[in-house]
Amino acid sequence: MIVTVVIVPVVVLVRMSVEIVTTAVGAVVGTFVLVGTKKFSQQFF
């Protein structure tokens, strides 16, 4: 019983942290892509 009590919060924390990390990485990548496309289009058009 004690093992499951310990495992459940750990799994929940890991899932939350993974979601937060993926969201942050997605936001950073999106920002980079936006900035990159703007600079790229400015250079060529």
Protein backbone atom coordinates (compact mmCIF):
# COMPACT_ATOMS: atom_id res chain seq x y z
CA MET A 1 0.00 0.00 0.00
CA ILE A 2 2.76 2.45 0.94
CA VAL A 3 4.45 1.90 -2.44
CA THR A 4 1.34 2.94 -4.38
CA VAL A 5 0.88 5.98 -2.12
CA VAL A 6 4.42 7.06 -3.03
CA ILE A 7 4.22 6.19 -6.74
CA VAL A 8 0.98 8.05 -7.55
CA PRO A 9 2.15 11.58 -6.60
CA VAL A 10 5.49 10.97 -8.31
CA VAL A 11 3.74 9.95 -11.55
CA VAL A 12 1.46 12.99 -11.34
CA LEU A 13 4.43 15.30 -10.75
CA VAL A 14 6.37 13.77 -13.64
CA ARG A 15 3.41 14.15 -15.98
CA MET A 16 2.88 17.77 -14.92
CA SER A 17 6.56 18.63 -15.33
CA VAL A 18 6.63 16.92 -18.75
CA GLU A 19 3.61 18.94 -19.86
CA ILE A 20 5.20 22.17 -18.58
CA VAL A 21 8.51 21.39 -20.31
CA THR A 22 6.85 20.49 -23.62
CA THR A 23 4.75 23.67 -23.46
CA ALA A 24 7.82 25.81 -22.73
CA VAL A 25 9.87 24.14 -25.48
CA GLY A 26 6.98 24.56 -27.92
CA ALA A 27 6.68 28.26 -27.07
CA VAL A 28 10.43 28.82 -27.48
CA VAL A 29 10.54 26.92 -30.78
CA GLY A 30 7.48 28.80 -32.02
CA THR A 31 9.08 32.13 -31.15
CA PHE A 32 12.31 31.16 -32.89
CA VAL A 33 10.40 30.03 -35.99
CA LEU A 34 8.41 33.27 -36.08
CA VAL A 35 11.53 35.43 -35.70
CA GLY A 36 13.41 33.30 -38.21
CA THR A 37 10.69 33.52 -40.86
CA LYS A 38 10.43 37.30 -40.36
CA LYS A 39 14.20 37.79 -40.80
CA PHE A 40 14.26 35.33 -43.71
CA SER A 41 11.42 37.10 -45.53
CA GLN A 42 13.03 40.51 -44.88
CA GLN A 43 16.26 39.32 -46.48
CA PHE A 44 14.64 37.94 -49.61
CA PHE A 45 11.62 40.20 -50.16
